[in-house]
Amino acid sequence: MPSRVIELRIAGVVFALLAVLFVAFPEIDLATSGHFYKDGRWAFSDGNWPLFELLYRGTPRAGQVLLIILTGGLLLGTFKRLPWLQARRTTLGFLLAAALLGPVLLVDATLKDGWHRARPTTVTEFGGPLKFTPAFMLSDQCVKNCSFVSGHVATAAFVMAFGWLATPAVRRRWLLTSLATASLLALVRLTAGGHFLSDTLFAWFATYFSLWLTEWIFRRLKWLPPVTD
């Protein structure tokens, strides 16, 4: 069995187990966030940790810059005078499509604005006016740019895309890098009360599965060659 298929199956099982866990025991989210909330104040607040502040503000900007670079590279790749860029048009197109489908459309436009889950800073358990809602349960507690799932973590997780079409060894390294970057941004958001633990975990899966969907579309359209691994 190809290693990529095994990887997908493992990811699917882990996703399902985590989903069941957080639905059955939603108090995990409250308990985790509670570790970073003391005396009415979140551990990371008002820019008190410069590195976290940089990551918080810089991650969305990095995502925007990446979209601009990918779009520009794809357009410049139409010129025959840039053969090195022209040869990479498929890869650039894949990365751009995956970024738009995952962090932009699925996470920001669909989940965050469609699930209406209140952020930790706004729920009654942490001094806010809104009701806590478990993961995967539709809510009416937030209007826009809500908690489920984390856009910062989804953007940080997207680094896995750079090794997505590479050899198994390179792909694994980028997946591990993605887990590391996503974990770091998850910590940034948890310590600020911006997201619950489940928001950050399932943000990684949102990016991961959106990349699989993008690849499936590209192969169906024959924009990518058949899988050899």
C-alpha atoms as a PDB file:
ATOM      1  CA  MET A   1       0.000   0.000   0.000  1.00  0.00           C
ATOM      2  CA  PRO A   2       1.427   3.439  -0.934  1.00  0.00           C
ATOM      3  CA  SER A   3       2.788   5.382   2.035  1.00  0.00           C
ATOM      4  CA  ARG A   4       0.600   8.369   1.175  1.00  0.00           C
ATOM      5  CA  VAL A   5      -2.532   6.251   1.487  1.00  0.00           C
ATOM      6  CA  ILE A   6      -1.358   4.949   4.850  1.00  0.00           C
ATOM      7  CA  GLU A   7      -0.672   8.512   5.946  1.00  0.00           C
ATOM      8  CA  LEU A   8      -4.172   9.621   4.907  1.00  0.00           C
ATOM      9  CA  ARG A   9      -5.795   6.732   6.749  1.00  0.00           C
ATOM     10  CA  ILE A  10      -3.840   7.463   9.914  1.00  0.00           C
ATOM     11  CA  ALA A  11      -4.788  11.137   9.703  1.00  0.00           C
ATOM     12  CA  GLY A  12      -8.436  10.191   9.195  1.00  0.00           C
ATOM     13  CA  VAL A  13      -8.450   7.918  12.232  1.00  0.00           C
ATOM     14  CA  VAL A  14      -6.732  10.526  14.426  1.00  0.00           C
ATOM     15  CA  PHE A  15      -9.176  13.177  13.242  1.00  0.00           C
ATOM     16  CA  ALA A  16     -12.175  10.964  14.031  1.00  0.00           C
ATOM     17  CA  LEU A  17     -10.857  10.038  17.483  1.00  0.00           C
ATOM     18  CA  LEU A  18     -10.164  13.672  18.360  1.00  0.00           C
ATOM     19  CA  ALA A  19     -13.585  14.725  17.110  1.00  0.00           C
ATOM     20  CA  VAL A  20     -15.289  12.116  19.296  1.00  0.00           C
ATOM     21  CA  LEU A  21     -13.122  13.118  22.267  1.00  0.00           C
ATOM     22  CA  PHE A  22     -13.943  16.826  22.094  1.00  0.00           C
ATOM     23  CA  VAL A  23     -17.638  16.220  21.459  1.00  0.00           C
ATOM     24  CA  ALA A  24     -17.863  13.768  24.367  1.00  0.00           C
ATOM     25  CA  PHE A  25     -15.700  15.833  26.719  1.00  0.00           C
ATOM     26  CA  PRO A  26     -16.028  19.524  25.775  1.00  0.00           C
ATOM     27  CA  GLU A  27     -14.646  20.487  29.191  1.00  0.00           C
ATOM     28  CA  ILE A  28     -11.187  19.704  27.782  1.00  0.00           C
ATOM     29  CA  ASP A  29     -11.334  23.003  25.912  1.00  0.00           C
ATOM     30  CA  LEU A  30     -12.286  24.974  29.004  1.00  0.00           C
ATOM     31  CA  ALA A  31      -9.683  23.251  31.160  1.00  0.00           C
ATOM     32  CA  THR A  32      -6.904  23.891  28.649  1.00  0.00           C
ATOM     33  CA  SER A  33      -7.784  27.556  28.219  1.00  0.00           C
ATOM     34  CA  GLY A  34      -8.088  27.886  31.988  1.00  0.00           C
ATOM     35  CA  HIS A  35      -4.380  27.161  32.341  1.00  0.00           C
ATOM     36  CA  PHE A  36      -3.635  30.445  30.567  1.00  0.00           C
ATOM     37  CA  TYR A  37      -6.210  32.605  32.371  1.00  0.00           C
ATOM     38  CA  LYS A  38      -5.522  33.952  35.841  1.00  0.00           C
ATOM     39  CA  ASP A  39      -6.886  36.873  37.832  1.00  0.00           C
ATOM     40  CA  GLY A  40      -8.945  38.062  34.882  1.00  0.00           C
ATOM     41  CA  ARG A  41      -5.979  38.215  32.543  1.00  0.00           C
ATOM     42  CA  TRP A  42      -4.651  36.002  29.757  1.00  0.00           C
ATOM     43  CA  ALA A  43      -0.991  34.957  29.812  1.00  0.00           C
ATOM     44  CA  PHE A  44      -0.317  36.647  26.479  1.00  0.00           C
ATOM     45  CA  SER A  45      -2.062  40.010  26.396  1.00  0.00           C
ATOM     46  CA  ASP A  46      -1.351  43.610  25.444  1.00  0.00           C
ATOM     47  CA  GLY A  47       1.845  42.628  23.618  1.00  0.00           C
ATOM     48  CA  ASN A  48       3.611  41.498  26.806  1.00  0.00           C
ATOM     49  CA  TRP A  49       5.469  38.753  24.914  1.00  0.00           C
ATOM     50  CA  PRO A  50       7.196  40.349  21.871  1.00  0.00           C
ATOM     51  CA  LEU A  51       7.827  37.054  20.053  1.00  0.00           C
ATOM     52  CA  PHE A  52       4.195  36.008  20.363  1.00  0.00           C
ATOM     53  CA  GLU A  53       3.089  39.466  19.267  1.00  0.00           C
ATOM     54  CA  LEU A  54       5.292  39.172  16.184  1.00  0.00           C
ATOM     55  CA  LEU A  55       3.900  35.743  15.345  1.00  0.00           C
ATOM     56  CA  TYR A  56       0.331  36.859  15.953  1.00  0.00           C
ATOM     57  CA  ARG A  57       0.568  39.888  13.694  1.00  0.00           C
ATOM     58  CA  GLY A  58       3.025  38.449  11.195  1.00  0.00           C
ATOM     59  CA  THR A  59       1.358  35.149  10.322  1.00  0.00           C
ATOM     60  CA  PRO A  60      -1.642  36.631   8.440  1.00  0.00           C
ATOM     61  CA  ARG A  61       0.721  39.022   6.629  1.00  0.00           C
ATOM     62  CA  ALA A  62       2.959  36.120   5.644  1.00  0.00           C
ATOM     63  CA  GLY A  63      -0.078  34.322   4.249  1.00  0.00           C
ATOM     64  CA  GLN A  64      -1.073  37.358   2.222  1.00  0.00           C
ATOM     65  CA  VAL A  65       2.452  37.788   0.881  1.00  0.00           C
ATOM     66  CA  LEU A  66       2.525  34.122  -0.122  1.00  0.00           C
ATOM     67  CA  LEU A  67      -0.702  34.518  -2.091  1.00  0.00           C
ATOM     68  CA  ILE A  68       0.767  37.519  -3.909  1.00  0.00           C
ATOM     69  CA  ILE A  69       4.010  35.657  -4.690  1.00  0.00           C
ATOM     70  CA  LEU A  70       2.171  32.579  -5.976  1.00  0.00           C
ATOM     71  CA  THR A  71      -0.181  34.650  -8.110  1.00  0.00           C
ATOM     72  CA  GLY A  72       2.696  36.705  -9.507  1.00  0.00           C
ATOM     73  CA  GLY A  73       4.775  33.615 -10.209  1.00  0.00           C
ATOM     74  CA  LEU A  74       1.867  31.957 -11.981  1.00  0.00           C
ATOM     75  CA  LEU A  75       1.311  35.010 -14.177  1.00  0.00           C
ATOM     76  CA  LEU A  76       5.004  35.506 -14.944  1.00  0.00           C
ATOM     77  CA  GLY A  77       5.232  31.838 -15.811  1.00  0.00           C
ATOM     78  CA  THR A  78       3.213  32.526 -18.949  1.00  0.00           C
ATOM     79  CA  PHE A  79       6.208  34.320 -20.461  1.00  0.00           C
ATOM     80  CA  LYS A  80       8.550  32.129 -22.483  1.00  0.00           C
ATOM     81  CA  ARG A  81      11.478  34.332 -21.499  1.00  0.00           C
ATOM     82  CA  LEU A  82      11.221  32.871 -18.007  1.00  0.00           C
ATOM     83  CA  PRO A  83      11.525  29.131 -18.712  1.00  0.00           C
ATOM     84  CA  TRP A  84      12.535  28.257 -15.143  1.00  0.00           C
ATOM     85  CA  LEU A  85       9.308  29.805 -13.910  1.00  0.00           C
ATOM     86  CA  GLN A  86       7.247  28.430 -16.764  1.00  0.00           C
ATOM     87  CA  ALA A  87       8.357  24.911 -15.833  1.00  0.00           C
ATOM     88  CA  ARG A  88       6.936  25.426 -12.337  1.00  0.00           C
ATOM     89  CA  ARG A  89       3.519  26.745 -13.308  1.00  0.00           C
ATOM     90  CA  THR A  90       1.733  23.548 -12.281  1.00  0.00           C
ATOM     91  CA  THR A  91       3.337  23.564  -8.851  1.00  0.00           C
ATOM     92  CA  LEU A  92       2.600  27.257  -8.379  1.00  0.00           C
ATOM     93  CA  GLY A  93      -0.991  26.712  -9.498  1.00  0.00           C
ATOM     94  CA  PHE A  94      -1.375  23.821  -7.075  1.00  0.00           C
ATOM     95  CA  LEU A  95      -0.031  25.848  -4.151  1.00  0.00           C
ATOM     96  CA  LEU A  96      -2.224  28.828  -4.983  1.00  0.00           C
ATOM     97  CA  ALA A  97      -5.343  26.680  -5.385  1.00  0.00           C
ATOM     98  CA  ALA A  98      -4.621  24.850  -2.128  1.00  0.00           C
ATOM     99  CA  ALA A  99      -4.087  28.109  -0.234  1.00  0.00           C
ATOM    100  CA  LEU A 100      -7.342  29.548  -1.544  1.00  0.00           C
ATOM    101  CA  LEU A 101      -9.324  26.354  -0.958  1.00  0.00           C
ATOM    102  CA  GLY A 102      -7.966  25.675   2.533  1.00  0.00           C
ATOM    103  CA  PRO A 103      -7.003  28.650   4.749  1.00  0.00           C
ATOM    104  CA  VAL A 104      -9.048  31.169   2.756  1.00  0.00           C
ATOM    105  CA  LEU A 105     -12.302  29.478   1.697  1.00  0.00           C
ATOM    106  CA  LEU A 106     -12.683  26.532   4.057  1.00  0.00           C
ATOM    107  CA  VAL A 107     -11.289  28.108   7.214  1.00  0.00           C
ATOM    108  CA  ASP A 108     -11.924  31.857   7.012  1.00  0.00           C
ATOM    109  CA  ALA A 109     -14.994  32.042   4.781  1.00  0.00           C
ATOM    110  CA  THR A 110     -16.790  28.836   5.777  1.00  0.00           C
ATOM    111  CA  LEU A 111     -15.886  27.518   9.215  1.00  0.00           C
ATOM    112  CA  LYS A 112     -15.025  30.718  11.102  1.00  0.00           C
ATOM    113  CA  ASP A 113     -17.984  32.653   9.715  1.00  0.00           C
ATOM    114  CA  GLY A 114     -20.375  29.697   9.556  1.00  0.00           C
ATOM    115  CA  TRP A 115     -19.918  27.945  12.899  1.00  0.00           C
ATOM    116  CA  HIS A 116     -20.414  31.066  15.058  1.00  0.00           C
ATOM    117  CA  ARG A 117     -18.437  29.709  18.001  1.00  0.00           C
ATOM    118  CA  ALA A 118     -17.499  32.302  20.608  1.00  0.00           C
ATOM    119  CA  ARG A 119     -13.836  32.787  21.457  1.00  0.00           C
ATOM    120  CA  PRO A 120     -12.504  32.015  24.945  1.00  0.00           C
ATOM    121  CA  THR A 121     -12.134  35.720  25.758  1.00  0.00           C
ATOM    122  CA  THR A 122     -15.865  36.229  25.240  1.00  0.00           C
ATOM    123  CA  VAL A 123     -17.415  33.254  27.093  1.00  0.00           C
ATOM    124  CA  THR A 124     -18.844  33.481  30.607  1.00  0.00           C
ATOM    125  CA  GLU A 125     -16.313  31.024  32.023  1.00  0.00           C
ATOM    126  CA  PHE A 126     -13.609  33.632  31.412  1.00  0.00           C
ATOM    127  CA  GLY A 127     -15.509  36.782  32.240  1.00  0.00           C
ATOM    128  CA  GLY A 128     -17.260  37.311  28.916  1.00  0.00           C
ATOM    129  CA  PRO A 129     -20.974  37.655  28.050  1.00  0.00           C
ATOM    130  CA  LEU A 130     -21.330  34.743  25.613  1.00  0.00           C
ATOM    131  CA  LYS A 131     -22.104  31.038  25.965  1.00  0.00           C
ATOM    132  CA  PHE A 132     -19.442  28.372  25.482  1.00  0.00           C
ATOM    133  CA  THR A 133     -20.164  25.947  22.659  1.00  0.00           C
ATOM    134  CA  PRO A 134     -18.400  22.579  22.212  1.00  0.00           C
ATOM    135  CA  ALA A 135     -16.470  21.889  19.024  1.00  0.00           C
ATOM    136  CA  PHE A 136     -18.504  20.819  15.972  1.00  0.00           C
ATOM    137  CA  MET A 137     -21.730  22.212  17.432  1.00  0.00           C
ATOM    138  CA  LEU A 138     -23.292  25.054  15.465  1.00  0.00           C
ATOM    139  CA  SER A 139     -23.839  28.162  17.547  1.00  0.00           C
ATOM    140  CA  ASP A 140     -25.267  31.667  17.403  1.00  0.00           C
ATOM    141  CA  GLN A 141     -22.825  33.256  19.845  1.00  0.00           C
ATOM    142  CA  CYS A 142     -20.553  34.998  17.340  1.00  0.00           C
ATOM    143  CA  VAL A 143     -21.386  36.880  14.160  1.00  0.00           C
ATOM    144  CA  LYS A 144     -18.133  37.046  12.184  1.00  0.00           C
ATOM    145  CA  ASN A 145     -14.481  35.977  12.445  1.00  0.00           C
ATOM    146  CA  CYS A 146     -15.325  33.463  15.141  1.00  0.00           C
ATOM    147  CA  SER A 147     -13.375  30.801  16.988  1.00  0.00           C
ATOM    148  CA  PHE A 148     -13.803  27.508  15.108  1.00  0.00           C
ATOM    149  CA  VAL A 149     -11.229  26.987  13.584  1.00  0.00           C
ATOM    150  CA  SER A 150      -8.029  29.015  13.985  1.00  0.00           C
ATOM    151  CA  GLY A 151      -6.957  30.944  10.892  1.00  0.00           C
ATOM    152  CA  HIS A 152      -3.488  31.537  12.321  1.00  0.00           C
ATOM    153  CA  VAL A 153      -2.900  27.822  12.863  1.00  0.00           C
ATOM    154  CA  ALA A 154      -4.324  26.917   9.455  1.00  0.00           C
ATOM    155  CA  THR A 155      -1.943  29.395   7.822  1.00  0.00           C
ATOM    156  CA  ALA A 156       1.025  28.097   9.808  1.00  0.00           C
ATOM    157  CA  ALA A 157       0.071  24.519   8.926  1.00  0.00           C
ATOM    158  CA  PHE A 158       0.141  25.361   5.213  1.00  0.00           C
ATOM    159  CA  VAL A 159       3.924  24.969   5.119  1.00  0.00           C
ATOM    160  CA  MET A 160       3.216  21.251   4.582  1.00  0.00           C
ATOM    161  CA  ALA A 161       2.175  22.209   1.051  1.00  0.00           C
ATOM    162  CA  PHE A 162       5.774  22.902   0.037  1.00  0.00           C
ATOM    163  CA  GLY A 163       6.621  19.221   0.305  1.00  0.00           C
ATOM    164  CA  TRP A 164       3.226  17.851  -0.647  1.00  0.00           C
ATOM    165  CA  LEU A 165       4.178  16.731  -4.158  1.00  0.00           C
ATOM    166  CA  ALA A 166       7.745  15.705  -3.288  1.00  0.00           C
ATOM    167  CA  THR A 167       9.236  12.316  -2.456  1.00  0.00           C
ATOM    168  CA  PRO A 168       7.939  10.484   0.649  1.00  0.00           C
ATOM    169  CA  ALA A 169      10.967  11.461   2.740  1.00  0.00           C
ATOM    170  CA  VAL A 170      10.721  15.159   1.820  1.00  0.00           C
ATOM    171  CA  ARG A 171       6.959  15.085   2.293  1.00  0.00           C
ATOM    172  CA  ARG A 172       7.329  13.670   5.810  1.00  0.00           C
ATOM    173  CA  ARG A 173       9.821  16.377   6.749  1.00  0.00           C
ATOM    174  CA  TRP A 174       7.443  19.124   5.658  1.00  0.00           C
ATOM    175  CA  LEU A 175       4.560  17.460   7.481  1.00  0.00           C
ATOM    176  CA  LEU A 176       6.624  17.411  10.672  1.00  0.00           C
ATOM    177  CA  THR A 177       7.584  21.044  10.087  1.00  0.00           C
ATOM    178  CA  SER A 178       3.909  21.833   9.684  1.00  0.00           C
ATOM    179  CA  LEU A 179       3.092  20.167  12.998  1.00  0.00           C
ATOM    180  CA  ALA A 180       5.808  22.248  14.662  1.00  0.00           C
ATOM    181  CA  THR A 181       4.740  25.596  13.183  1.00  0.00           C
ATOM    182  CA  ALA A 182       1.071  24.874  13.830  1.00  0.00           C
ATOM    183  CA  SER A 183       1.840  23.930  17.442  1.00  0.00           C
ATOM    184  CA  LEU A 184       3.715  27.178  17.973  1.00  0.00           C
ATOM    185  CA  LEU A 185       0.856  29.275  16.609  1.00  0.00           C
ATOM    186  CA  ALA A 186      -1.604  27.206  18.603  1.00  0.00           C
ATOM    187  CA  LEU A 187       0.281  28.178  21.749  1.00  0.00           C
ATOM    188  CA  VAL A 188       0.204  31.828  20.703  1.00  0.00           C
ATOM    189  CA  ARG A 189      -3.572  31.753  20.287  1.00  0.00           C
ATOM    190  CA  LEU A 190      -4.283  29.656  23.385  1.00  0.00           C
ATOM    191  CA  THR A 191      -2.285  31.921  25.676  1.00  0.00           C
ATOM    192  CA  ALA A 192      -4.163  34.962  24.380  1.00  0.00           C
ATOM    193  CA  GLY A 193      -7.614  33.416  24.756  1.00  0.00           C
ATOM    194  CA  GLY A 194      -8.105  33.727  21.023  1.00  0.00           C
ATOM    195  CA  HIS A 195      -8.946  30.073  20.469  1.00  0.00           C
ATOM    196  CA  PHE A 196      -9.759  26.852  22.240  1.00  0.00           C
ATOM    197  CA  LEU A 197      -7.529  23.801  21.918  1.00  0.00           C
ATOM    198  CA  SER A 198      -9.972  22.110  19.531  1.00  0.00           C
ATOM    199  CA  ASP A 199      -9.940  25.204  17.287  1.00  0.00           C
ATOM    200  CA  THR A 200      -6.202  24.814  16.826  1.00  0.00           C
ATOM    201  CA  LEU A 201      -6.126  21.038  16.378  1.00  0.00           C
ATOM    202  CA  PHE A 202      -8.828  20.934  13.744  1.00  0.00           C
ATOM    203  CA  ALA A 203      -7.348  23.936  11.933  1.00  0.00           C
ATOM    204  CA  TRP A 204      -4.365  21.711  11.086  1.00  0.00           C
ATOM    205  CA  PHE A 205      -6.687  19.014   9.766  1.00  0.00           C
ATOM    206  CA  ALA A 206      -8.638  21.581   7.735  1.00  0.00           C
ATOM    207  CA  THR A 207      -5.450  22.524   5.903  1.00  0.00           C
ATOM    208  CA  TYR A 208      -4.346  18.909   5.557  1.00  0.00           C
ATOM    209  CA  PHE A 209      -7.594  17.618   4.074  1.00  0.00           C
ATOM    210  CA  SER A 210      -7.968  20.660   1.810  1.00  0.00           C
ATOM    211  CA  LEU A 211      -4.581  19.821   0.301  1.00  0.00           C
ATOM    212  CA  TRP A 212      -5.771  16.298  -0.411  1.00  0.00           C
ATOM    213  CA  LEU A 213      -8.893  17.704  -2.070  1.00  0.00           C
ATOM    214  CA  THR A 214      -6.830  20.105  -4.168  1.00  0.00           C
ATOM    215  CA  GLU A 215      -4.555  17.292  -5.275  1.00  0.00           C
ATOM    216  CA  TRP A 216      -7.538  15.091  -6.156  1.00  0.00           C
ATOM    217  CA  ILE A 217      -9.007  17.877  -8.310  1.00  0.00           C
ATOM    218  CA  PHE A 218      -5.690  18.504 -10.067  1.00  0.00           C
ATOM    219  CA  ARG A 219      -5.209  14.817 -10.830  1.00  0.00           C
ATOM    220  CA  ARG A 220      -8.771  14.419 -12.066  1.00  0.00           C
ATOM    221  CA  LEU A 221      -8.155  17.308 -14.456  1.00  0.00           C
ATOM    222  CA  LYS A 222      -4.808  15.721 -15.396  1.00  0.00           C
ATOM    223  CA  TRP A 223      -2.911  18.807 -14.299  1.00  0.00           C
ATOM    224  CA  LEU A 224      -0.756  16.499 -12.203  1.00  0.00           C
ATOM    225  CA  PRO A 225       0.728  13.137 -13.292  1.00  0.00           C
ATOM    226  CA  PRO A 226      -0.451   9.863 -11.721  1.00  0.00           C
ATOM    227  CA  VAL A 227       0.848   9.048  -8.248  1.00  0.00           C
ATOM    228  CA  THR A 228       3.859   6.696  -8.285  1.00  0.00           C
ATOM    229  CA  ASP A 229       4.151   6.248  -4.512  1.00  0.00           C
END
